[in-house]
Amino acid sequence: MLTQMSGLCPLVLVLLVLCGIWVPAVSDVGDFSPCLQFFYRSCPPKGLTGTTICQRYLNQFRFATLYSRQRRSPWFSAYVYSVPAGKRPPANWKFEPQLAYPGSDGNMMLFPPGSLDQNLVDSQGVELDYINSTYSRGHINPSIHHKSNEDRMATFTLTNVVPQKAGSNDGPWETLEQHVNRTLASFCLGESYVVTGVIPYQSEERWLKNHRVAVPEYLWSTYCCPNFNHSLPSELKNAFPTYAAIGRNDRNSSQEIVPVSEKAKKEFKGYDVRRMSLEELEKVLRDRLGTEVRIFYEGCAGLD
């Protein structure tokens, strides 16, 4: 993720130096500079490496993703929350053409019918990876956190998806997404910057379809809303300016990071979500990933 860049305006140069990011302005893939608006103070998270993608749909950037080519799945997606409107769009799945063909158009594209070109199959996850598996396609950036239909449709790209157990996706993790939805819609007065990502298994990786797509052991999410209504109910006193959570994606994982509730419904048991502070999340990421991770510039301090 740390490469050279040129031709950027002085302000962007200063921002990237402050954030510790140094990237080339050459394409939608390998370059966060065209979509820094999806990060608080235009600063992407520090400490995580991968292939950067400015997710473009219908000629507009919709969100940003740090992608792992080796795992064929995202490390995180970052976006600006907006109050959702309308129905969930149909699940028309797309791919990132520049991962397969570097000189191609940057707009995400619908998967074509029939057999796929090998360059595309080698470069990223495809629909066949998920068919007849025991995992659902779990959005990292969920459609329910966006207002426009175009923004919501853009989330249906497999570069924004990880293998997620239905017990998590349809249970505690969905509850978290709805909780964040209500909280930000009711009390955030300015921009809400959200980053959601994954934690891999420590010892032995799990995969779809014979090392095709890596399965995460946990999902995490956090937001930064520096400008908020200070008349908060007691249960939300610790929900601003930042808030974080980690969710289980394996009911057989240890309970060290996320305990298991014995009161959960049978289909959701073992897929609990633990809510925590931003600092606690960054500590877990440091311990699990072996590197210092800073998600928001200066911890989301100060007014936006």
Foldseek 3Di string as FASTA:
>chain_A
DADAADDDDPVLVVQCVLQVHHFYPDAQKGDCSVPLVQAFSSHAKPDDAAIKGQAAAPRDGQWIFGFHQQQQETQKIKGKFDQADDDQDDLQEWEQVCLLPVVDDGHTGGDDPDDDDVSRQSRHDDPVLPPPDQFDWAFRDALNRYYDNRSSNSSNYRRRTAGFHCLQRVHQVVVVVVVVSVVCVVWQPDIKMKMKGAFADQPDWDGGPPSRHTHGQKIKMKIARAHTDCPDDPVCNQPPRMKMKMWGRDLPDDPPLPHWDPPDDPSNTSGHMDIDGPVVVQVVCCVRVVTRMDGHDVSNDDHD
